[in-house]
Amino acid sequence: MAGTNNDMSSRRKPGSSGNKQKDSGLRRNDVNCIHQGDCIKIMRALPKESVDTVFADPPYNLQLNGDLHRPNNSLVDAVDDNWDQFESMKAYDDFTAGWLSAARETLKPDGSLWVIGSYHNIFRVGSILQDLGFWILNDIIWRKSNPMPNFRGRRFTNAHETLIWAAKSKDSKYRFNYDAMKALNEDLQMRSDWFIPLCTGGERLKDDDGQKVHPTQKPEALLYRVIMSSTNPGDTVLDPFFGTGTTGAVAKKLGRNFIGVERETDYIKFARQRLDGIKKLGDGEILHTPSKREEPRIPFGTLIERGLLKPGTQLVSSNGRYKAKVGADGSLIATGHRGSIHKVGAALQGAPSCNGWTFWHYSDGSKPVPIDQLRQIVRDEKAGRGSATLQ
């Protein structure tokens, strides 16, 4: 965790030499390294509007009162570090507004921010970020498969944390890799409740005495979804509370750049060791999931012009209930209806809309096939991946 006290910055001074990153104003010694010191000062020294995404795991201000013991009277290793202690709620709110404002300055106009917290702080953080102009896109529930029990038996077991995902503004054209998230979830839309275990086992960093290096180290699986969903390869992710470097580790594995900011020397030591052991992937095809929304628009009539479908061909709906014929002008003709593949599909179903590309099927001689496969043939040709052929 970074903080706002005892600045021990070892980063370069603003204005020193270095190679700029393309289109961002960032220099080579800004990225893919850890800057030690006050997170607010360091973020404000970075070029404005230079990073694509911010992921923040700030102090939760847990407000613990006394030691916590298990039923066998052993002491629970709770978060009692100085960086998580604030003298009042106002002090915490001021701290939150400070780092959120600095983070917002670093974000590109179409950038987005992720912040994680518990019931102790997430509602205060959410209110402040809205006041600063962020536009909330989702709140994600991280449901822990192995939460710590409530040993005193006086409350529900606290089995989740909340992530807020927000665009820099209401008008931001933020990045969301819908198709990648769907592929990651076995071709189902990714939901806003994520069932992921706590960081344990070999992933948990330990010191020479076998003790946890950081009390709130997050699992890489959590950051995998965050980074995969909202960035592209080559993007830069800023983490102002870098800790032991989970954000940087996942960013490096996925071909993204990172900027880490951390105050504590011990955390930085272990984070650097961790990052040095990771090899960055360089294959764009492996790292990038093509988005259907970004592919070139292909009118349905192009399939008729290219001979992939002939006028008079009968199309059937995916459930076989509805039928229509292909017109020479690229329209569909059904009883009482004539129009685009989308409008006719919607009208026959009495639905407000319809994706005709997946709704309508043609026969390849043995089975019904979505006409979307014919559109993909033309797209592949335009991208130089092949030539259109009759099916």
Protein backbone atom coordinates (compact mmCIF):
# COMPACT_ATOMS: atom_id res chain seq x y z
CA MET A 1 0.00 0.00 0.00
CA ALA A 2 1.15 3.54 -0.69
CA GLY A 3 0.31 6.43 1.53
CA THR A 4 0.59 10.16 1.81
CA ASN A 5 3.16 10.45 4.61
CA ASN A 6 6.96 10.17 4.82
CA ASP A 7 7.77 10.74 1.16
CA MET A 8 10.75 8.55 0.27
CA SER A 9 10.59 9.04 -3.48
CA SER A 10 13.38 7.56 -5.55
CA ARG A 11 11.75 8.20 -8.94
CA ARG A 12 13.28 10.58 -11.46
CA LYS A 13 12.70 14.30 -11.15
CA PRO A 14 10.14 15.75 -13.57
CA GLY A 15 11.87 17.01 -16.67
CA SER A 16 14.77 14.55 -16.59
CA SER A 17 15.70 12.74 -19.77
CA GLY A 18 14.00 9.60 -20.99
CA ASN A 19 12.21 8.16 -24.01
CA LYS A 20 8.55 9.04 -24.27
CA GLN A 21 5.93 6.33 -24.69
CA LYS A 22 3.94 6.74 -27.89
CA ASP A 23 0.85 9.00 -27.64
CA SER A 24 0.98 9.26 -23.85
CA GLY A 25 3.77 11.60 -22.82
CA LEU A 26 5.12 8.88 -20.51
CA ARG A 27 8.84 8.29 -20.50
CA ARG A 28 10.64 4.97 -20.44
CA ASN A 29 11.51 5.31 -16.78
CA ASP A 30 7.88 6.06 -15.88
CA VAL A 31 6.57 2.65 -16.90
CA ASN A 32 7.19 -0.95 -15.92
CA CYS A 33 8.85 0.04 -12.67
CA ILE A 34 7.96 0.90 -9.08
CA HIS A 35 8.10 4.48 -7.83
CA GLN A 36 8.64 4.78 -4.11
CA GLY A 37 6.98 7.52 -2.10
CA ASP A 38 3.78 9.52 -1.64
CA CYS A 39 1.24 8.25 -4.16
CA ILE A 40 -0.48 11.63 -4.59
CA LYS A 41 2.76 13.52 -5.26
CA ILE A 42 4.03 10.87 -7.66
CA MET A 43 0.78 10.67 -9.63
CA ARG A 44 0.67 14.46 -9.96
CA ALA A 45 4.24 14.41 -11.31
CA LEU A 46 3.23 12.04 -14.11
CA PRO A 47 2.10 13.48 -17.44
CA LYS A 48 -1.60 14.33 -17.36
CA GLU A 49 -4.00 12.05 -19.26
CA SER A 50 -1.25 9.49 -19.87
CA VAL A 51 -2.57 6.17 -18.51
CA ASP A 52 -5.36 3.94 -19.78
CA THR A 53 -6.57 2.36 -16.55
CA VAL A 54 -6.10 2.79 -12.82
CA PHE A 55 -6.50 -0.12 -10.41
CA ALA A 56 -6.50 0.93 -6.76
CA ASP A 57 -6.49 -1.21 -3.63
CA PRO A 58 -6.38 1.60 -1.05
CA PRO A 59 -6.29 1.28 2.74
CA TYR A 60 -9.67 0.04 3.97
CA ASN A 61 -9.61 1.96 7.26
CA LEU A 62 -10.75 -1.19 9.08
CA GLN A 63 -11.13 0.55 12.44
CA LEU A 64 -10.15 -2.54 14.42
CA ASN A 65 -10.62 -2.45 18.19
CA GLY A 66 -8.23 -4.74 20.04
CA ASP A 67 -6.89 -8.16 19.12
CA LEU A 68 -9.00 -10.86 17.48
CA HIS A 69 -8.62 -14.48 18.61
CA ARG A 70 -9.79 -17.78 17.15
CA PRO A 71 -11.79 -20.26 19.27
CA ASN A 72 -8.51 -21.99 20.18
CA ASN A 73 -7.26 -18.63 21.50
CA SER A 74 -4.67 -18.20 18.74
CA LEU A 75 -4.25 -14.64 17.49
CA VAL A 76 -5.69 -13.73 14.07
CA ASP A 77 -3.15 -12.00 11.81
CA ALA A 78 -5.34 -8.97 11.10
CA VAL A 79 -4.55 -5.77 9.23
CA ASP A 80 -3.09 -3.46 11.87
CA ASP A 81 -0.37 -1.69 9.85
CA ASN A 82 0.17 2.04 10.15
CA TRP A 83 -0.87 2.64 6.55
CA ASP A 84 -4.42 1.48 7.39
CA GLN A 85 -4.89 3.79 10.37
CA PHE A 86 -6.58 7.20 10.18
CA GLU A 87 -7.45 9.51 13.05
CA SER A 88 -11.00 10.20 11.82
CA MET A 89 -13.46 9.59 9.01
CA LYS A 90 -12.76 13.08 7.74
CA ALA A 91 -9.05 12.31 7.55
CA TYR A 92 -9.85 9.19 5.54
CA ASP A 93 -12.21 11.11 3.26
CA ASP A 94 -9.58 13.78 2.64
CA PHE A 95 -7.02 11.10 1.83
CA THR A 96 -9.48 9.40 -0.54
CA ALA A 97 -10.37 12.62 -2.35
CA GLY A 98 -6.66 13.41 -2.70
CA TRP A 99 -5.58 10.19 -4.34
CA LEU A 100 -8.72 9.89 -6.49
CA SER A 101 -8.20 13.44 -7.81
CA ALA A 102 -4.56 12.70 -8.62
CA ALA A 103 -5.48 9.41 -10.30
CA ARG A 104 -8.16 11.15 -12.35
CA GLU A 105 -5.60 13.63 -13.64
CA THR A 106 -3.44 10.79 -14.97
CA LEU A 107 -6.30 9.06 -16.81
CA LYS A 108 -6.83 9.56 -20.52
CA PRO A 109 -10.28 10.99 -21.40
CA ASP A 110 -11.53 7.51 -22.31
CA GLY A 111 -9.78 5.78 -19.41
CA SER A 112 -11.40 3.93 -16.53
CA LEU A 113 -10.72 3.30 -12.86
CA TRP A 114 -11.14 0.24 -10.66
CA VAL A 115 -11.16 0.50 -6.88
CA ILE A 116 -11.68 -2.35 -4.43
CA GLY A 117 -12.82 -2.15 -0.83
CA SER A 118 -14.93 -3.61 1.95
CA TYR A 119 -17.99 -2.33 3.79
CA HIS A 120 -15.62 -0.25 5.93
CA ASN A 121 -14.74 2.12 3.09
CA ILE A 122 -16.26 1.32 -0.31
CA PHE A 123 -19.41 3.41 0.14
CA ARG A 124 -17.39 6.48 1.13
CA VAL A 125 -15.04 5.90 -1.82
CA GLY A 126 -17.98 5.51 -4.21
CA SER A 127 -19.57 8.76 -3.09
CA ILE A 128 -16.33 10.71 -3.39
CA LEU A 129 -15.48 9.39 -6.85
CA GLN A 130 -18.95 10.37 -8.08
CA ASP A 131 -18.47 13.86 -6.63
CA LEU A 132 -15.21 14.11 -8.61
CA GLY A 133 -16.95 13.36 -11.91
CA PHE A 134 -16.30 9.65 -12.39
CA TRP A 135 -19.16 7.71 -14.00
CA ILE A 136 -19.85 4.33 -12.36
CA LEU A 137 -20.17 1.48 -14.86
CA ASN A 138 -20.48 -1.56 -12.59
CA ASP A 139 -20.02 -2.70 -9.05
CA ILE A 140 -18.46 -6.15 -8.97
CA ILE A 141 -18.91 -8.48 -6.05
CA TRP A 142 -15.82 -10.58 -5.39
CA ARG A 143 -17.28 -13.55 -3.57
CA LYS A 144 -14.52 -15.41 -1.75
CA SER A 145 -14.68 -19.20 -1.87
CA ASN A 146 -12.59 -19.45 1.32
CA PRO A 147 -13.40 -16.41 3.52
CA MET A 148 -12.14 -15.99 7.06
CA PRO A 149 -14.87 -17.12 9.52
CA ASN A 150 -16.52 -14.70 11.91
CA PHE A 151 -14.90 -16.05 15.06
CA ARG A 152 -16.99 -14.07 17.52
CA GLY A 153 -20.26 -15.24 16.00
CA ARG A 154 -21.85 -11.81 16.31
CA ARG A 155 -22.14 -10.96 12.60
CA PHE A 156 -22.49 -12.67 9.24
CA THR A 157 -19.27 -14.08 7.83
CA ASN A 158 -17.81 -11.33 5.67
CA ALA A 159 -17.40 -13.34 2.47
CA HIS A 160 -17.07 -10.66 -0.21
CA GLU A 161 -15.44 -7.43 -1.26
CA THR A 162 -16.72 -4.86 -3.74
CA LEU A 163 -14.99 -3.47 -6.81
CA ILE A 164 -16.25 -0.27 -8.41
CA TRP A 165 -15.53 0.13 -12.12
CA ALA A 166 -15.94 3.71 -13.33
CA ALA A 167 -15.25 5.69 -16.48
CA LYS A 168 -13.44 9.00 -16.18
CA SER A 169 -16.64 10.79 -17.19
CA LYS A 170 -20.14 10.12 -18.45
CA ASP A 171 -18.98 10.78 -22.01
CA SER A 172 -15.90 8.54 -21.92
CA LYS A 173 -15.62 5.92 -24.65
CA TYR A 174 -14.23 3.40 -22.20
CA ARG A 175 -12.74 0.05 -23.17
CA PHE A 176 -14.73 -3.11 -22.45
CA ASN A 177 -13.56 -6.38 -23.98
CA TYR A 178 -16.94 -8.07 -23.97
CA ASP A 179 -15.93 -10.94 -26.26
CA ALA A 180 -12.83 -11.76 -24.20
CA MET A 181 -14.87 -11.88 -20.99
CA LYS A 182 -17.49 -14.06 -22.67
CA ALA A 183 -14.81 -16.45 -23.94
CA LEU A 184 -13.26 -16.57 -20.46
CA ASN A 185 -16.67 -17.61 -19.09
CA GLU A 186 -17.33 -20.54 -21.47
CA ASP A 187 -19.19 -18.38 -24.02
CA LEU A 188 -21.60 -16.92 -21.47
CA GLN A 189 -21.81 -13.23 -20.60
CA MET A 190 -19.52 -12.48 -17.66
CA ARG A 191 -21.59 -11.59 -14.61
CA SER A 192 -20.89 -8.97 -11.97
CA ASP A 193 -20.37 -11.55 -9.20
CA TRP A 194 -16.97 -13.21 -9.32
CA PHE A 195 -16.34 -16.40 -7.34
CA ILE A 196 -12.58 -16.42 -6.72
CA PRO A 197 -10.60 -17.77 -3.74
CA LEU A 198 -8.38 -15.68 -1.51
CA CYS A 199 -4.68 -15.56 -2.29
CA THR A 200 -3.23 -18.69 -0.68
CA GLY A 201 -0.67 -21.44 -1.25
CA GLY A 202 2.27 -20.88 -3.54
CA GLU A 203 0.88 -17.58 -4.83
CA ARG A 204 1.05 -16.02 -1.38
CA LEU A 205 4.35 -14.24 -0.87
CA LYS A 206 6.18 -15.18 2.34
CA ASP A 207 9.25 -13.73 4.02
CA ASP A 208 12.26 -15.66 5.29
CA ASP A 209 10.35 -16.52 8.48
CA GLY A 210 7.40 -17.96 6.56
CA GLN A 211 5.15 -14.99 7.41
CA LYS A 212 2.89 -13.24 4.91
CA VAL A 213 4.68 -10.34 3.28
CA HIS A 214 1.46 -8.36 2.83
CA PRO A 215 -1.77 -8.83 4.80
CA THR A 216 -4.11 -8.05 1.88
CA GLN A 217 -2.35 -9.53 -1.15
CA LYS A 218 -4.97 -9.99 -3.86
CA PRO A 219 -5.22 -13.13 -6.03
CA GLU A 220 -3.91 -12.84 -9.56
CA ALA A 221 -7.19 -14.27 -10.87
CA LEU A 222 -8.98 -11.12 -9.71
CA LEU A 223 -6.56 -8.80 -11.50
CA TYR A 224 -6.65 -11.06 -14.56
CA ARG A 225 -10.33 -10.25 -15.07
CA VAL A 226 -9.84 -6.56 -14.33
CA ILE A 227 -7.00 -6.14 -16.82
CA MET A 228 -8.40 -8.43 -19.50
CA SER A 229 -11.79 -6.72 -19.43
CA SER A 230 -10.77 -3.07 -19.61
CA THR A 231 -7.39 -2.82 -21.38
CA ASN A 232 -5.67 -3.85 -24.59
CA PRO A 233 -2.12 -5.18 -25.04
CA GLY A 234 0.29 -2.25 -24.84
CA ASP A 235 -2.00 -0.18 -22.58
CA THR A 236 -0.67 1.25 -19.33
CA VAL A 237 -2.19 0.34 -15.96
CA LEU A 238 -1.42 2.54 -12.94
CA ASP A 239 -1.60 1.10 -9.42
CA PRO A 240 -1.11 3.78 -6.73
CA PHE A 241 -1.10 1.18 -3.90
CA PHE A 242 1.19 -1.37 -5.50
CA GLY A 243 1.92 -3.51 -2.45
CA THR A 244 3.63 -6.73 -3.51
CA GLY A 245 2.91 -6.11 -7.18
CA THR A 246 -0.07 -8.24 -8.18
CA THR A 247 -1.22 -5.64 -10.69
CA GLY A 248 2.22 -5.43 -12.25
CA ALA A 249 2.63 -9.20 -12.34
CA VAL A 250 -0.63 -9.74 -14.23
CA ALA A 251 -0.06 -6.73 -16.49
CA LYS A 252 3.36 -8.06 -17.48
CA LYS A 253 1.96 -11.53 -18.19
CA LEU A 254 -0.76 -10.04 -20.41
CA GLY A 255 1.48 -7.71 -22.41
CA ARG A 256 0.39 -4.50 -20.70
CA ASN A 257 2.59 -1.81 -19.20
CA PHE A 258 2.30 -0.91 -15.53
CA ILE A 259 3.19 1.96 -13.23
CA GLY A 260 3.52 0.96 -9.59
CA VAL A 261 3.54 3.41 -6.70
CA GLU A 262 4.40 2.15 -3.22
CA ARG A 263 5.70 3.66 0.01
CA GLU A 264 6.88 0.60 1.98
CA THR A 265 10.42 -0.62 1.23
CA ASP A 266 9.74 -4.23 2.20
CA TYR A 267 6.79 -4.51 -0.17
CA ILE A 268 8.85 -3.04 -3.00
CA LYS A 269 11.66 -5.55 -2.43
CA PHE A 270 9.35 -8.54 -2.78
CA ALA A 271 7.40 -6.98 -5.65
CA ARG A 272 10.61 -6.49 -7.65
CA GLN A 273 11.67 -10.09 -7.03
CA ARG A 274 8.26 -11.25 -8.17
CA LEU A 275 8.29 -9.13 -11.34
CA ASP A 276 11.83 -10.17 -12.26
CA GLY A 277 10.65 -13.78 -12.42
CA ILE A 278 7.88 -13.09 -14.95
CA LYS A 279 8.40 -13.33 -18.69
CA LYS A 280 6.34 -10.94 -20.76
CA LEU A 281 4.31 -12.51 -23.55
CA GLY A 282 4.77 -10.87 -26.93
CA ASP A 283 2.34 -12.64 -29.24
CA GLY A 284 -0.51 -10.27 -30.07
CA GLU A 285 -2.74 -13.07 -31.35
CA ILE A 286 -2.52 -14.83 -27.99
CA LEU A 287 -3.06 -11.69 -25.94
CA HIS A 288 -5.78 -9.94 -27.94
CA THR A 289 -9.35 -11.16 -28.42
CA PRO A 290 -10.87 -9.61 -31.56
CA SER A 291 -14.07 -7.71 -30.82
CA LYS A 292 -16.99 -8.24 -33.16
CA ARG A 293 -18.02 -4.63 -32.62
CA GLU A 294 -14.68 -3.46 -34.01
CA GLU A 295 -14.79 -5.61 -37.13
CA PRO A 296 -15.73 -3.93 -40.45
CA ARG A 297 -19.44 -3.54 -41.16
CA ILE A 298 -20.64 -5.94 -43.87
CA PRO A 299 -24.11 -5.24 -45.32
CA PHE A 300 -26.25 -8.34 -45.85
CA GLY A 301 -26.52 -7.39 -49.53
CA THR A 302 -22.79 -8.01 -49.92
CA LEU A 303 -23.43 -11.75 -49.46
CA ILE A 304 -25.84 -11.69 -52.41
CA GLU A 305 -23.49 -9.60 -54.56
CA ARG A 306 -20.65 -12.01 -53.88
CA GLY A 307 -22.76 -15.07 -54.65
CA LEU A 308 -22.50 -16.45 -51.11
CA LEU A 309 -26.31 -16.43 -51.01
CA LYS A 310 -28.57 -16.43 -54.07
CA PRO A 311 -31.86 -14.55 -54.47
CA GLY A 312 -34.73 -16.85 -53.56
CA THR A 313 -32.71 -18.81 -50.97
CA GLN A 314 -34.88 -19.76 -48.03
CA LEU A 315 -33.63 -18.83 -44.57
CA VAL A 316 -35.00 -20.30 -41.36
CA SER A 317 -34.88 -19.05 -37.79
CA SER A 318 -32.58 -20.72 -35.29
CA ASN A 319 -35.54 -22.62 -33.82
CA GLY A 320 -36.96 -23.51 -37.27
CA ARG A 321 -40.23 -21.71 -36.57
CA TYR A 322 -39.91 -18.79 -38.99
CA LYS A 323 -39.00 -18.71 -42.70
CA ALA A 324 -38.12 -16.01 -45.20
CA LYS A 325 -36.75 -15.71 -48.72
CA VAL A 326 -33.75 -13.66 -49.82
CA GLY A 327 -34.60 -10.77 -52.15
CA ALA A 328 -32.30 -9.67 -54.95
CA ASP A 329 -31.88 -6.31 -53.23
CA GLY A 330 -30.70 -7.82 -49.94
CA SER A 331 -34.05 -7.65 -48.20
CA LEU A 332 -35.90 -10.60 -46.65
CA ILE A 333 -39.41 -11.48 -47.71
CA ALA A 334 -41.83 -13.22 -45.36
CA THR A 335 -45.62 -13.37 -45.17
CA GLY A 336 -46.73 -9.78 -44.59
CA HIS A 337 -43.19 -8.49 -44.08
CA ARG A 338 -40.30 -7.20 -46.19
CA GLY A 339 -37.18 -5.51 -44.89
CA SER A 340 -33.74 -6.08 -43.42
CA ILE A 341 -32.67 -9.32 -41.78
CA HIS A 342 -33.04 -7.59 -38.42
CA LYS A 343 -36.43 -5.91 -38.95
CA VAL A 344 -38.09 -8.99 -40.44
CA GLY A 345 -36.73 -11.20 -37.66
CA ALA A 346 -38.05 -8.80 -35.03
CA ALA A 347 -41.45 -8.41 -36.71
CA LEU A 348 -42.05 -12.15 -37.02
CA GLN A 349 -41.29 -12.61 -33.32
CA GLY A 350 -43.17 -9.52 -32.18
CA ALA A 351 -39.91 -8.42 -30.56
CA PRO A 352 -38.46 -4.89 -30.30
CA SER A 353 -35.18 -5.96 -31.94
CA CYS A 354 -33.38 -8.92 -33.44
CA ASN A 355 -29.81 -9.75 -34.41
CA GLY A 356 -30.52 -11.16 -37.85
CA TRP A 357 -26.97 -12.43 -38.30
CA THR A 358 -27.41 -15.04 -35.57
CA PHE A 359 -31.19 -15.47 -35.91
CA TRP A 360 -31.31 -16.51 -39.57
CA HIS A 361 -29.76 -19.74 -40.87
CA TYR A 362 -29.16 -21.18 -44.33
CA SER A 363 -28.62 -24.82 -45.25
CA ASP A 364 -25.14 -25.97 -46.22
CA GLY A 365 -26.63 -29.18 -47.60
CA SER A 366 -26.61 -31.10 -44.34
CA LYS A 367 -27.50 -28.73 -41.48
CA PRO A 368 -28.62 -25.16 -40.76
CA VAL A 369 -25.75 -22.69 -40.45
CA PRO A 370 -25.94 -19.08 -39.16
CA ILE A 371 -25.56 -16.52 -41.95
CA ASP A 372 -23.01 -14.86 -39.68
CA GLN A 373 -20.52 -17.44 -40.89
CA LEU A 374 -20.87 -16.08 -44.42
CA ARG A 375 -20.29 -12.54 -43.13
CA GLN A 376 -17.10 -13.77 -41.44
CA ILE A 377 -15.80 -15.09 -44.77
CA VAL A 378 -16.03 -11.59 -46.23
CA ARG A 379 -14.45 -10.05 -43.13
CA ASP A 380 -11.55 -12.48 -43.31
CA GLU A 381 -11.00 -11.53 -46.93
CA LYS A 382 -10.95 -7.82 -46.10
CA ALA A 383 -8.43 -8.49 -43.34
CA GLY A 384 -6.25 -10.54 -45.67
CA ARG A 385 -7.01 -13.80 -43.86
CA GLY A 386 -8.45 -15.60 -46.89
CA SER A 387 -10.79 -15.21 -49.82
CA ALA A 388 -14.56 -15.54 -49.96
CA THR A 389 -15.76 -18.86 -51.35
CA LEU A 390 -19.16 -20.31 -51.97
CA GLN A 391 -20.50 -22.53 -49.19
